[in-house]
């Protein structure tokens, strides 16, 4: 579920929609598991929010994502959070 929230944050989609997407994903995923069929996400046949996410992130480098999503705390610790680039306490 964290990946959905991370993706939505990265795409600047509101948190409320991320929560709805997470619920929908869990509902659909459990239904697919109940069917007992193997399935996977294919970038060539994806539609909707999955297609949008895959297109948007296709050329993104891991280093760019880490730079965007991390910040350094006092003492040199690296943290991941929504306020990347700021010094947060806690």
Protein backbone atom coordinates (compact mmCIF):
# COMPACT_ATOMS: atom_id res chain seq x y z
CA UNK A 1 0.00 0.00 0.00
CA UNK A 2 2.96 2.29 0.60
CA UNK A 3 3.80 2.14 -3.10
CA UNK A 4 0.37 3.51 -4.01
CA UNK A 5 0.77 6.40 -1.60
CA UNK A 6 4.32 7.05 -2.81
CA UNK A 7 3.22 7.00 -6.44
CA UNK A 8 0.28 9.34 -5.83
CA UNK A 9 2.50 11.73 -3.85
CA UNK A 10 5.07 11.65 -6.64
CA UNK A 11 2.36 12.46 -9.19
CA UNK A 12 0.91 15.17 -6.90
CA UNK A 13 -2.43 13.40 -6.58
CA UNK A 14 -4.32 14.20 -3.33
CA UNK A 15 -3.97 11.86 -0.33
CA UNK A 16 -7.75 11.27 -0.29
CA UNK A 17 -7.54 9.71 -3.76
CA UNK A 18 -4.58 7.57 -2.68
CA UNK A 19 -6.66 6.18 0.18
CA UNK A 20 -9.54 5.39 -2.19
CA UNK A 21 -7.16 3.75 -4.66
CA UNK A 22 -5.66 1.65 -1.86
CA UNK A 23 -9.10 0.41 -0.81
CA UNK A 24 -10.05 -0.32 -4.42
CA UNK A 25 -6.75 -2.14 -4.98
CA UNK A 26 -7.24 -4.34 -1.92
CA UNK A 27 -10.81 -5.15 -2.92
CA UNK A 28 -9.82 -6.02 -6.50
CA UNK A 29 -6.63 -7.84 -5.48
CA UNK A 30 -8.51 -10.07 -3.05
CA UNK A 31 -11.11 -10.84 -5.75
CA UNK A 32 -8.35 -11.79 -8.22
CA UNK A 33 -6.68 -14.02 -5.62
CA UNK A 34 -10.00 -15.70 -4.98
CA UNK A 35 -10.22 -16.54 -8.71
CA UNK A 36 -6.93 -18.40 -8.46
CA UNK A 37 -5.54 -17.06 -11.76
CA UNK A 38 -2.04 -15.67 -12.21
CA UNK A 39 -1.97 -12.03 -13.39
CA UNK A 40 0.59 -9.27 -13.72
CA UNK A 41 0.88 -5.64 -14.80
CA UNK A 42 2.01 -5.24 -18.40
CA UNK A 43 3.13 -1.76 -19.42
CA UNK A 44 1.86 -2.33 -22.98
CA UNK A 45 -1.70 -3.20 -21.95
CA UNK A 46 -2.10 -1.13 -18.76
CA UNK A 47 -4.97 1.36 -18.64
CA UNK A 48 -6.18 4.09 -16.32
CA UNK A 49 -4.10 5.17 -13.34
CA UNK A 50 -1.64 2.30 -13.86
CA UNK A 51 -0.95 3.40 -17.44
CA UNK A 52 -0.57 7.01 -16.29
CA UNK A 53 1.83 6.04 -13.51
CA UNK A 54 3.94 3.80 -15.75
CA UNK A 55 4.23 6.47 -18.45
CA UNK A 56 5.04 9.19 -15.93
CA UNK A 57 7.74 7.18 -14.17
CA UNK A 58 9.21 5.26 -17.13
CA UNK A 59 12.21 7.54 -17.60
CA UNK A 60 12.66 8.55 -13.96
CA UNK A 61 16.00 7.51 -12.54
CA UNK A 62 16.22 5.94 -9.08
CA UNK A 63 18.73 8.62 -8.03
CA UNK A 64 16.23 11.36 -8.95
CA UNK A 65 13.47 9.69 -6.93
CA UNK A 66 15.73 9.30 -3.90
CA UNK A 67 16.82 12.92 -4.10
CA UNK A 68 13.20 14.04 -4.26
CA UNK A 69 11.95 11.80 -1.45
CA UNK A 70 14.77 11.98 1.12
CA UNK A 71 16.35 14.55 3.42
CA UNK A 72 19.23 14.59 5.91
CA UNK A 73 18.61 14.95 9.61
CA UNK A 74 21.09 16.29 12.13
CA UNK A 75 23.81 13.72 12.68
CA UNK A 76 23.83 12.70 9.01
CA UNK A 77 20.90 10.28 9.15
CA UNK A 78 18.94 10.07 5.92
CA UNK A 79 15.16 9.99 6.22
CA UNK A 80 12.38 9.43 3.74
CA UNK A 81 9.36 11.69 4.03
CA UNK A 82 6.95 14.10 2.45
CA UNK A 83 9.00 17.15 3.35
CA UNK A 84 12.08 16.19 1.33
CA UNK A 85 14.79 18.79 1.36
CA UNK A 86 13.85 20.18 4.78
CA UNK A 87 15.32 19.48 8.19
CA UNK A 88 12.60 17.66 10.11
CA UNK A 89 12.76 16.55 13.72
CA UNK A 90 11.30 13.39 15.11
